[in-house]
Amino acid sequence: MITEIAQIKIHPGHEKQFESAVAEAVPLFPSADGCHGIDLNRSVEHPSQYRLMVRWETVEHHTVTFRASEEFARWRALAGPYFAAPPQVEHVRSVLAQ
C-alpha cells in the first residue's frame, strides 16, 4: 500500500468552492481500481493550501490506471479550475505507524 500526497494550492478566496468540488469528486476515487481511500486536509497556517492523500495498492494504480481513466478526467474538471499551480505529487510508503 502506498499513499499519494498531493500538495495543492488554491486561488485565495475559492476554498469553499474547491472543497465542494472535491466532495463531489470523492466517489470517483473508491470506484477506481486499486484505490483504498482518500483524505483532504487544509493547512491551518496557509488556508489556501491543501494536502490530498489517496491510498493506492501500487504507484501504478495511481500513475497509470487512474490517470488514464474517465474518473481522473472528471476529478480534474471539478477541482482543476481552483488550482493556483499544478499540484506537487509524491508517493510514500509507511515505515512506522502506531
PDB file of N, CA and C in Angstrom:
ATOM      1  N   MET A   1       0.858  -1.177   0.000  1.00  0.00           N
ATOM      2  CA  MET A   1       0.000   0.000   0.000  1.00  0.00           C
ATOM      3  C   MET A   1       0.901   1.236   0.000  1.00  0.00           C
ATOM      4  N   ILE A   2       0.564   2.202  -0.832  1.00  0.00           N
ATOM      5  CA  ILE A   2       1.282   3.473  -0.880  1.00  0.00           C
ATOM      6  C   ILE A   2       0.271   4.600  -0.699  1.00  0.00           C
ATOM      7  N   THR A   3       0.778   5.758  -0.319  1.00  0.00           N
ATOM      8  CA  THR A   3      -0.071   6.937  -0.201  1.00  0.00           C
ATOM      9  C   THR A   3       0.444   8.008  -1.148  1.00  0.00           C
ATOM     10  N   GLU A   4      -0.448   8.483  -1.975  1.00  0.00           N
ATOM     11  CA  GLU A   4      -0.165   9.643  -2.829  1.00  0.00           C
ATOM     12  C   GLU A   4      -0.436  10.878  -1.977  1.00  0.00           C
ATOM     13  N   ILE A   5       0.519  11.791  -1.934  1.00  0.00           N
ATOM     14  CA  ILE A   5       0.320  13.064  -1.249  1.00  0.00           C
ATOM     15  C   ILE A   5       0.433  14.159  -2.299  1.00  0.00           C
ATOM     16  N   ALA A   6      -0.684  14.838  -2.533  1.00  0.00           N
ATOM     17  CA  ALA A   6      -0.709  15.943  -3.495  1.00  0.00           C
ATOM     18  C   ALA A   6      -0.840  17.241  -2.718  1.00  0.00           C
ATOM     19  N   GLN A   7       0.171  18.094  -2.842  1.00  0.00           N
ATOM     20  CA  GLN A   7       0.115  19.420  -2.231  1.00  0.00           C
ATOM     21  C   GLN A   7      -0.544  20.342  -3.258  1.00  0.00           C
ATOM     22  N   ILE A   8      -1.678  20.910  -2.852  1.00  0.00           N
ATOM     23  CA  ILE A   8      -2.486  21.690  -3.783  1.00  0.00           C
ATOM     24  C   ILE A   8      -2.665  23.108  -3.259  1.00  0.00           C
ATOM     25  N   LYS A   9      -2.280  24.077  -4.089  1.00  0.00           N
ATOM     26  CA  LYS A   9      -2.508  25.489  -3.766  1.00  0.00           C
ATOM     27  C   LYS A   9      -3.710  25.961  -4.567  1.00  0.00           C
ATOM     28  N   ILE A  10      -4.646  26.588  -3.853  1.00  0.00           N
ATOM     29  CA  ILE A  10      -5.901  27.060  -4.439  1.00  0.00           C
ATOM     30  C   ILE A  10      -5.868  28.575  -4.570  1.00  0.00           C
ATOM     31  N   HIS A  11      -6.546  29.098  -5.571  1.00  0.00           N
ATOM     32  CA  HIS A  11      -6.671  30.548  -5.676  1.00  0.00           C
ATOM     33  C   HIS A  11      -7.337  31.066  -4.398  1.00  0.00           C
ATOM     34  N   PRO A  12      -6.690  32.008  -3.696  1.00  0.00           N
ATOM     35  CA  PRO A  12      -7.285  32.531  -2.457  1.00  0.00           C
ATOM     36  C   PRO A  12      -8.709  33.028  -2.694  1.00  0.00           C
ATOM     37  N   GLY A  13      -9.567  32.724  -1.726  1.00  0.00           N
ATOM     38  CA  GLY A  13     -10.965  33.118  -1.824  1.00  0.00           C
ATOM     39  C   GLY A  13     -11.864  32.071  -2.450  1.00  0.00           C
ATOM     40  N   HIS A  14     -11.263  30.981  -2.944  1.00  0.00           N
ATOM     41  CA  HIS A  14     -12.042  29.924  -3.594  1.00  0.00           C
ATOM     42  C   HIS A  14     -12.024  28.615  -2.804  1.00  0.00           C
ATOM     43  N   GLU A  15     -11.676  28.683  -1.529  1.00  0.00           N
ATOM     44  CA  GLU A  15     -11.542  27.481  -0.721  1.00  0.00           C
ATOM     45  C   GLU A  15     -12.864  26.707  -0.605  1.00  0.00           C
ATOM     46  N   LYS A  16     -13.948  27.382  -0.339  1.00  0.00           N
ATOM     47  CA  LYS A  16     -15.244  26.699  -0.191  1.00  0.00           C
ATOM     48  C   LYS A  16     -15.655  26.015  -1.494  1.00  0.00           C
ATOM     49  N   GLN A  17     -15.434  26.685  -2.619  1.00  0.00           N
ATOM     50  CA  GLN A  17     -15.783  26.098  -3.909  1.00  0.00           C
ATOM     51  C   GLN A  17     -14.920  24.863  -4.183  1.00  0.00           C
ATOM     52  N   PHE A  18     -13.628  24.963  -3.860  1.00  0.00           N
ATOM     53  CA  PHE A  18     -12.731  23.823  -4.049  1.00  0.00           C
ATOM     54  C   PHE A  18     -13.169  22.643  -3.193  1.00  0.00           C
ATOM     55  N   GLU A  19     -13.464  22.898  -1.929  1.00  0.00           N
ATOM     56  CA  GLU A  19     -13.886  21.830  -1.027  1.00  0.00           C
ATOM     57  C   GLU A  19     -15.184  21.187  -1.516  1.00  0.00           C
ATOM     58  N   SER A  20     -16.090  21.972  -2.053  1.00  0.00           N
ATOM     59  CA  SER A  20     -17.334  21.427  -2.617  1.00  0.00           C
ATOM     60  C   SER A  20     -17.039  20.568  -3.844  1.00  0.00           C
ATOM     61  N   ALA A  21     -16.115  21.027  -4.669  1.00  0.00           N
ATOM     62  CA  ALA A  21     -15.737  20.261  -5.864  1.00  0.00           C
ATOM     63  C   ALA A  21     -15.112  18.929  -5.467  1.00  0.00           C
ATOM     64  N   VAL A  22     -14.250  18.940  -4.465  1.00  0.00           N
ATOM     65  CA  VAL A  22     -13.632  17.691  -4.013  1.00  0.00           C
ATOM     66  C   VAL A  22     -14.691  16.766  -3.421  1.00  0.00           C
ATOM     67  N   ALA A  23     -15.617  17.308  -2.646  1.00  0.00           N
ATOM     68  CA  ALA A  23     -16.697  16.489  -2.083  1.00  0.00           C
ATOM     69  C   ALA A  23     -17.493  15.813  -3.197  1.00  0.00           C
ATOM     70  N   GLU A  24     -17.719  16.529  -4.275  1.00  0.00           N
ATOM     71  CA  GLU A  24     -18.432  15.945  -5.416  1.00  0.00           C
ATOM     72  C   GLU A  24     -17.597  14.866  -6.098  1.00  0.00           C
ATOM     73  N   ALA A  25     -16.274  15.045  -6.088  1.00  0.00           N
ATOM     74  CA  ALA A  25     -15.374  14.104  -6.756  1.00  0.00           C
ATOM     75  C   ALA A  25     -15.041  12.869  -5.918  1.00  0.00           C
ATOM     76  N   VAL A  26     -15.269  12.914  -4.618  1.00  0.00           N
ATOM     77  CA  VAL A  26     -14.879  11.807  -3.736  1.00  0.00           C
ATOM     78  C   VAL A  26     -15.337  10.440  -4.252  1.00  0.00           C
ATOM     79  N   PRO A  27     -16.565  10.264  -4.713  1.00  0.00           N
ATOM     80  CA  PRO A  27     -16.980   8.935  -5.188  1.00  0.00           C
ATOM     81  C   PRO A  27     -16.175   8.407  -6.375  1.00  0.00           C
ATOM     82  N   LEU A  28     -15.487   9.277  -7.093  1.00  0.00           N
ATOM     83  CA  LEU A  28     -14.685   8.837  -8.234  1.00  0.00           C
ATOM     84  C   LEU A  28     -13.490   8.000  -7.800  1.00  0.00           C
ATOM     85  N   PHE A  29     -12.966   8.281  -6.616  1.00  0.00           N
ATOM     86  CA  PHE A  29     -11.754   7.601  -6.160  1.00  0.00           C
ATOM     87  C   PHE A  29     -11.992   6.157  -5.738  1.00  0.00           C
ATOM     88  N   PRO A  30     -12.932   5.878  -4.828  1.00  0.00           N
ATOM     89  CA  PRO A  30     -13.134   4.484  -4.424  1.00  0.00           C
ATOM     90  C   PRO A  30     -13.543   3.567  -5.578  1.00  0.00           C
ATOM     91  N   SER A  31     -14.142   4.134  -6.616  1.00  0.00           N
ATOM     92  CA  SER A  31     -14.516   3.310  -7.764  1.00  0.00           C
ATOM     93  C   SER A  31     -13.313   3.021  -8.667  1.00  0.00           C
ATOM     94  N   ALA A  32     -12.206   3.707  -8.438  1.00  0.00           N
ATOM     95  CA  ALA A  32     -11.002   3.495  -9.247  1.00  0.00           C
ATOM     96  C   ALA A  32     -10.283   2.225  -8.800  1.00  0.00           C
ATOM     97  N   ASP A  33      -9.794   1.469  -9.763  1.00  0.00           N
ATOM     98  CA  ASP A  33      -9.075   0.233  -9.477  1.00  0.00           C
ATOM     99  C   ASP A  33      -7.848   0.518  -8.613  1.00  0.00           C
ATOM    100  N   GLY A  34      -7.729  -0.181  -7.495  1.00  0.00           N
ATOM    101  CA  GLY A  34      -6.558  -0.053  -6.625  1.00  0.00           C
ATOM    102  C   GLY A  34      -6.642   1.033  -5.590  1.00  0.00           C
ATOM    103  N   CYS A  35      -7.734   1.795  -5.541  1.00  0.00           N
ATOM    104  CA  CYS A  35      -7.856   2.885  -4.567  1.00  0.00           C
ATOM    105  C   CYS A  35      -8.476   2.362  -3.281  1.00  0.00           C
ATOM    106  N   HIS A  36      -7.869   2.759  -2.154  1.00  0.00           N
ATOM    107  CA  HIS A  36      -8.332   2.298  -0.843  1.00  0.00           C
ATOM    108  C   HIS A  36      -8.791   3.441   0.058  1.00  0.00           C
ATOM    109  N   GLY A  37      -8.931   4.643  -0.458  1.00  0.00           N
ATOM    110  CA  GLY A  37      -9.456   5.733   0.351  1.00  0.00           C
ATOM    111  C   GLY A  37      -8.779   7.051   0.055  1.00  0.00           C
ATOM    112  N   ILE A  38      -9.429   8.122   0.528  1.00  0.00           N
ATOM    113  CA  ILE A  38      -8.988   9.483   0.236  1.00  0.00           C
ATOM    114  C   ILE A  38      -9.237  10.367   1.451  1.00  0.00           C
ATOM    115  N   ASP A  39      -8.318  11.294   1.688  1.00  0.00           N
ATOM    116  CA  ASP A  39      -8.461  12.303   2.740  1.00  0.00           C
ATOM    117  C   ASP A  39      -8.038  13.645   2.166  1.00  0.00           C
ATOM    118  N   LEU A  40      -8.747  14.701   2.547  1.00  0.00           N
ATOM    119  CA  LEU A  40      -8.355  16.056   2.172  1.00  0.00           C
ATOM    120  C   LEU A  40      -8.111  16.827   3.459  1.00  0.00           C
ATOM    121  N   ASN A  41      -6.935  17.447   3.554  1.00  0.00           N
ATOM    122  CA  ASN A  41      -6.567  18.244   4.728  1.00  0.00           C
ATOM    123  C   ASN A  41      -6.237  19.657   4.290  1.00  0.00           C
ATOM    124  N   ARG A  42      -6.665  20.621   5.097  1.00  0.00           N
ATOM    125  CA  ARG A  42      -6.426  22.042   4.813  1.00  0.00           C
ATOM    126  C   ARG A  42      -5.421  22.585   5.812  1.00  0.00           C
ATOM    127  N   SER A  43      -4.476  23.366   5.337  1.00  0.00           N
ATOM    128  CA  SER A  43      -3.471  23.973   6.202  1.00  0.00           C
ATOM    129  C   SER A  43      -4.103  25.020   7.114  1.00  0.00           C
ATOM    130  N   VAL A  44      -3.730  24.985   8.374  1.00  0.00           N
ATOM    131  CA  VAL A  44      -4.199  25.987   9.336  1.00  0.00           C
ATOM    132  C   VAL A  44      -3.459  27.300   9.094  1.00  0.00           C
ATOM    133  N   GLU A  45      -2.147  27.209   8.885  1.00  0.00           N
ATOM    134  CA  GLU A  45      -1.336  28.418   8.707  1.00  0.00           C
ATOM    135  C   GLU A  45      -1.523  29.066   7.335  1.00  0.00           C
ATOM    136  N   HIS A  46      -1.812  28.250   6.321  1.00  0.00           N
ATOM    137  CA  HIS A  46      -1.950  28.731   4.940  1.00  0.00           C
ATOM    138  C   HIS A  46      -3.271  28.192   4.391  1.00  0.00           C
ATOM    139  N   PRO A  47      -4.387  28.861   4.676  1.00  0.00           N
ATOM    140  CA  PRO A  47      -5.721  28.322   4.374  1.00  0.00           C
ATOM    141  C   PRO A  47      -6.012  28.011   2.911  1.00  0.00           C
ATOM    142  N   SER A  48      -5.219  28.503   1.995  1.00  0.00           N
ATOM    143  CA  SER A  48      -5.459  28.169   0.588  1.00  0.00           C
ATOM    144  C   SER A  48      -4.571  27.010   0.124  1.00  0.00           C
ATOM    145  N   GLN A  49      -3.941  26.304   1.075  1.00  0.00           N
ATOM    146  CA  GLN A  49      -3.113  25.140   0.747  1.00  0.00           C
ATOM    147  C   GLN A  49      -3.732  23.879   1.348  1.00  0.00           C
ATOM    148  N   TYR A  50      -3.736  22.826   0.548  1.00  0.00           N
ATOM    149  CA  TYR A  50      -4.350  21.559   0.928  1.00  0.00           C
ATOM    150  C   TYR A  50      -3.376  20.412   0.695  1.00  0.00           C
ATOM    151  N   ARG A  51      -3.639  19.294   1.376  1.00  0.00           N
ATOM    152  CA  ARG A  51      -2.942  18.040   1.127  1.00  0.00           C
ATOM    153  C   ARG A  51      -4.025  17.000   0.837  1.00  0.00           C
ATOM    154  N   LEU A  52      -4.003  16.489  -0.368  1.00  0.00           N
ATOM    155  CA  LEU A  52      -4.893  15.405  -0.745  1.00  0.00           C
ATOM    156  C   LEU A  52      -4.097  14.121  -0.593  1.00  0.00           C
ATOM    157  N   MET A  53      -4.588  13.203   0.211  1.00  0.00           N
ATOM    158  CA  MET A  53      -3.883  11.950   0.439  1.00  0.00           C
ATOM    159  C   MET A  53      -4.783  10.806  -0.014  1.00  0.00           C
ATOM    160  N   VAL A  54      -4.263  10.037  -0.976  1.00  0.00           N
ATOM    161  CA  VAL A  54      -5.020   8.931  -1.542  1.00  0.00           C
ATOM    162  C   VAL A  54      -4.217   7.650  -1.340  1.00  0.00           C
ATOM    163  N   ARG A  55      -4.883   6.643  -0.802  1.00  0.00           N
ATOM    164  CA  ARG A  55      -4.230   5.360  -0.566  1.00  0.00           C
ATOM    165  C   ARG A  55      -4.456   4.444  -1.778  1.00  0.00           C
ATOM    166  N   TRP A  56      -3.339   3.979  -2.343  1.00  0.00           N
ATOM    167  CA  TRP A  56      -3.361   3.132  -3.539  1.00  0.00           C
ATOM    168  C   TRP A  56      -2.656   1.811  -3.243  1.00  0.00           C
ATOM    169  N   GLU A  57      -3.067   0.760  -3.961  1.00  0.00           N
ATOM    170  CA  GLU A  57      -2.391  -0.525  -3.851  1.00  0.00           C
ATOM    171  C   GLU A  57      -0.946  -0.411  -4.316  1.00  0.00           C
ATOM    172  N   THR A  58      -0.736   0.244  -5.469  1.00  0.00           N
ATOM    173  CA  THR A  58       0.602   0.434  -6.030  1.00  0.00           C
ATOM    174  C   THR A  58       0.693   1.840  -6.627  1.00  0.00           C
ATOM    175  N   VAL A  59       1.896   2.285  -6.888  1.00  0.00           N
ATOM    176  CA  VAL A  59       2.097   3.575  -7.562  1.00  0.00           C
ATOM    177  C   VAL A  59       1.432   3.538  -8.940  1.00  0.00           C
ATOM    178  N   GLU A  60       1.540   2.404  -9.617  1.00  0.00           N
ATOM    179  CA  GLU A  60       0.980   2.290 -10.959  1.00  0.00           C
ATOM    180  C   GLU A  60      -0.544   2.404 -10.967  1.00  0.00           C
ATOM    181  N   HIS A  61      -1.199   1.977  -9.889  1.00  0.00           N
ATOM    182  CA  HIS A  61      -2.652   2.161  -9.831  1.00  0.00           C
ATOM    183  C   HIS A  61      -3.000   3.649  -9.914  1.00  0.00           C
ATOM    184  N   HIS A  62      -2.122   4.500  -9.387  1.00  0.00           N
ATOM    185  CA  HIS A  62      -2.353   5.941  -9.480  1.00  0.00           C
ATOM    186  C   HIS A  62      -1.855   6.492 -10.807  1.00  0.00           C
ATOM    187  N   THR A  63      -0.567   6.267 -11.091  1.00  0.00           N
ATOM    188  CA  THR A  63       0.074   6.961 -12.212  1.00  0.00           C
ATOM    189  C   THR A  63      -0.298   6.422 -13.583  1.00  0.00           C
ATOM    190  N   VAL A  64      -0.702   5.166 -13.655  1.00  0.00           N
ATOM    191  CA  VAL A  64      -1.059   4.579 -14.947  1.00  0.00           C
ATOM    192  C   VAL A  64      -2.575   4.390 -15.052  1.00  0.00           C
ATOM    193  N   THR A  65      -3.117   3.557 -14.183  1.00  0.00           N
ATOM    194  CA  THR A  65      -4.531   3.191 -14.284  1.00  0.00           C
ATOM    195  C   THR A  65      -5.458   4.379 -14.045  1.00  0.00           C
ATOM    196  N   PHE A  66      -5.289   5.063 -12.904  1.00  0.00           N
ATOM    197  CA  PHE A  66      -6.204   6.168 -12.579  1.00  0.00           C
ATOM    198  C   PHE A  66      -6.025   7.347 -13.523  1.00  0.00           C
ATOM    199  N   ARG A  67      -4.793   7.721 -13.797  1.00  0.00           N
ATOM    200  CA  ARG A  67      -4.575   8.892 -14.650  1.00  0.00           C
ATOM    201  C   ARG A  67      -5.076   8.712 -16.075  1.00  0.00           C
ATOM    202  N   ALA A  68      -5.239   7.466 -16.507  1.00  0.00           N
ATOM    203  CA  ALA A  68      -5.760   7.209 -17.856  1.00  0.00           C
ATOM    204  C   ALA A  68      -7.276   7.028 -17.859  1.00  0.00           C
ATOM    205  N   SER A  69      -7.903   7.198 -16.703  1.00  0.00           N
ATOM    206  CA  SER A  69      -9.327   6.896 -16.576  1.00  0.00           C
ATOM    207  C   SER A  69     -10.225   8.120 -16.763  1.00  0.00           C
ATOM    208  N   GLU A  70     -11.499   7.825 -16.985  1.00  0.00           N
ATOM    209  CA  GLU A  70     -12.507   8.884 -17.048  1.00  0.00           C
ATOM    210  C   GLU A  70     -12.680   9.539 -15.681  1.00  0.00           C
ATOM    211  N   GLU A  71     -12.469   8.758 -14.611  1.00  0.00           N
ATOM    212  CA  GLU A  71     -12.577   9.302 -13.254  1.00  0.00           C
ATOM    213  C   GLU A  71     -11.558  10.419 -13.031  1.00  0.00           C
ATOM    214  N   PHE A  72     -10.334  10.216 -13.518  1.00  0.00           N
ATOM    215  CA  PHE A  72      -9.304  11.250 -13.372  1.00  0.00           C
ATOM    216  C   PHE A  72      -9.692  12.505 -14.151  1.00  0.00           C
ATOM    217  N   ALA A  73     -10.184  12.321 -15.364  1.00  0.00           N
ATOM    218  CA  ALA A  73     -10.595  13.473 -16.174  1.00  0.00           C
ATOM    219  C   ALA A  73     -11.707  14.246 -15.463  1.00  0.00           C
ATOM    220  N   ARG A  74     -12.646  13.524 -14.867  1.00  0.00           N
ATOM    221  CA  ARG A  74     -13.741  14.185 -14.140  1.00  0.00           C
ATOM    222  C   ARG A  74     -13.213  14.897 -12.908  1.00  0.00           C
ATOM    223  N   TRP A  75     -12.281  14.260 -12.159  1.00  0.00           N
ATOM    224  CA  TRP A  75     -11.651  14.882 -10.986  1.00  0.00           C
ATOM    225  C   TRP A  75     -11.007  16.207 -11.375  1.00  0.00           C
ATOM    226  N   ARG A  76     -10.222  16.197 -12.447  1.00  0.00           N
ATOM    227  CA  ARG A  76      -9.547  17.420 -12.868  1.00  0.00           C
ATOM    228  C   ARG A  76     -10.536  18.467 -13.354  1.00  0.00           C
ATOM    229  N   ALA A  77     -11.608  18.055 -14.000  1.00  0.00           N
ATOM    230  CA  ALA A  77     -12.618  19.017 -14.446  1.00  0.00           C
ATOM    231  C   ALA A  77     -13.298  19.686 -13.259  1.00  0.00           C
ATOM    232  N   LEU A  78     -13.517  18.942 -12.183  1.00  0.00           N
ATOM    233  CA  LEU A  78     -14.166  19.501 -10.997  1.00  0.00           C
ATOM    234  C   LEU A  78     -13.219  20.378 -10.181  1.00  0.00           C
ATOM    235  N   ALA A  79     -12.042  19.868  -9.875  1.00  0.00           N
ATOM    236  CA  ALA A  79     -11.124  20.554  -8.950  1.00  0.00           C
ATOM    237  C   ALA A  79     -10.122  21.467  -9.648  1.00  0.00           C
ATOM    238  N   GLY A  80      -9.738  21.108 -10.858  1.00  0.00           N
ATOM    239  CA  GLY A  80      -8.684  21.833 -11.568  1.00  0.00           C
ATOM    240  C   GLY A  80      -8.858  23.330 -11.706  1.00  0.00           C
ATOM    241  N   PRO A  81     -10.073  23.841 -11.928  1.00  0.00           N
ATOM    242  CA  PRO A  81     -10.232  25.285 -12.091  1.00  0.00           C
ATOM    243  C   PRO A  81      -9.813  26.100 -10.857  1.00  0.00           C
ATOM    244  N   TYR A  82      -9.709  25.449  -9.706  1.00  0.00           N
ATOM    245  CA  TYR A  82      -9.355  26.161  -8.478  1.00  0.00           C
ATOM    246  C   TYR A  82      -7.862  26.105  -8.177  1.00  0.00           C
ATOM    247  N   PHE A  83      -7.100  25.315  -8.929  1.00  0.00           N
ATOM    248  CA  PHE A  83      -5.664  25.186  -8.688  1.00  0.00           C
ATOM    249  C   PHE A  83      -4.950  26.489  -9.056  1.00  0.00           C
ATOM    250  N   ALA A  84      -4.157  27.009  -8.132  1.00  0.00           N
ATOM    251  CA  ALA A  84      -3.341  28.192  -8.409  1.00  0.00           C
ATOM    252  C   ALA A  84      -2.041  27.790  -9.108  1.00  0.00           C
ATOM    253  N   ALA A  85      -1.671  26.520  -8.971  1.00  0.00           N
ATOM    254  CA  ALA A  85      -0.466  25.965  -9.597  1.00  0.00           C
ATOM    255  C   ALA A  85      -0.691  24.462  -9.726  1.00  0.00           C
ATOM    256  N   PRO A  86       0.070  23.806 -10.587  1.00  0.00           N
ATOM    257  CA  PRO A  86      -0.082  22.346 -10.674  1.00  0.00           C
ATOM    258  C   PRO A  86       0.234  21.701  -9.315  1.00  0.00           C
ATOM    259  N   PRO A  87      -0.531  20.692  -8.922  1.00  0.00           N
ATOM    260  CA  PRO A  87      -0.249  20.019  -7.652  1.00  0.00           C
ATOM    261  C   PRO A  87       1.147  19.394  -7.649  1.00  0.00           C
ATOM    262  N   GLN A  88       1.776  19.418  -6.492  1.00  0.00           N
ATOM    263  CA  GLN A  88       3.062  18.753  -6.276  1.00  0.00           C
ATOM    264  C   GLN A  88       2.731  17.382  -5.705  1.00  0.00           C
ATOM    265  N   VAL A  89       3.099  16.316  -6.399  1.00  0.00           N
ATOM    266  CA  VAL A  89       2.688  14.966  -6.002  1.00  0.00           C
ATOM    267  C   VAL A  89       3.901  14.101  -5.682  1.00  0.00           C
ATOM    268  N   GLU A  90       3.779  13.346  -4.586  1.00  0.00           N
ATOM    269  CA  GLU A  90       4.773  12.326  -4.269  1.00  0.00           C
ATOM    270  C   GLU A  90       4.046  11.113  -3.712  1.00  0.00           C
ATOM    271  N   HIS A  91       4.735   9.985  -3.726  1.00  0.00           N
ATOM    272  CA  HIS A  91       4.185   8.742  -3.208  1.00  0.00           C
ATOM    273  C   HIS A  91       5.058   8.285  -2.049  1.00  0.00           C
ATOM    274  N   VAL A  92       4.405   7.879  -0.959  1.00  0.00           N
ATOM    275  CA  VAL A  92       5.144   7.437   0.224  1.00  0.00           C
ATOM    276  C   VAL A  92       4.625   6.070   0.659  1.00  0.00           C
ATOM    277  N   ARG A  93       5.487   5.361   1.365  1.00  0.00           N
ATOM    278  CA  ARG A  93       5.143   4.079   1.955  1.00  0.00           C
ATOM    279  C   ARG A  93       5.414   4.177   3.445  1.00  0.00           C
ATOM    280  N   SER A  94       4.486   3.747   4.261  1.00  0.00           N
ATOM    281  CA  SER A  94       4.636   3.806   5.706  1.00  0.00           C
ATOM    282  C   SER A  94       5.750   2.860   6.160  1.00  0.00           C
ATOM    283  N   VAL A  95       6.629   3.373   7.012  1.00  0.00           N
ATOM    284  CA  VAL A  95       7.678   2.541   7.580  1.00  0.00           C
ATOM    285  C   VAL A  95       7.512   2.385   9.094  1.00  0.00           C
ATOM    286  N   LEU A  96       6.621   3.208   9.675  1.00  0.00           N
ATOM    287  CA  LEU A  96       6.342   3.123  11.099  1.00  0.00           C
ATOM    288  C   LEU A  96       4.980   3.733  11.378  1.00  0.00           C
ATOM    289  N   ALA A  97       4.136   3.002  12.060  1.00  0.00           N
ATOM    290  CA  ALA A  97       2.805   3.510  12.413  1.00  0.00           C
ATOM    291  C   ALA A  97       2.427   2.951  13.766  1.00  0.00           C
ATOM    292  N   GLN A  98       1.629   3.697  14.496  1.00  0.00           N
ATOM    293  CA  GLN A  98       1.137   3.227  15.791  1.00  0.00           C
ATOM    294  C   GLN A  98      -0.359   3.229  15.777  1.00  0.00           C
TER     295      GLN A  98
END
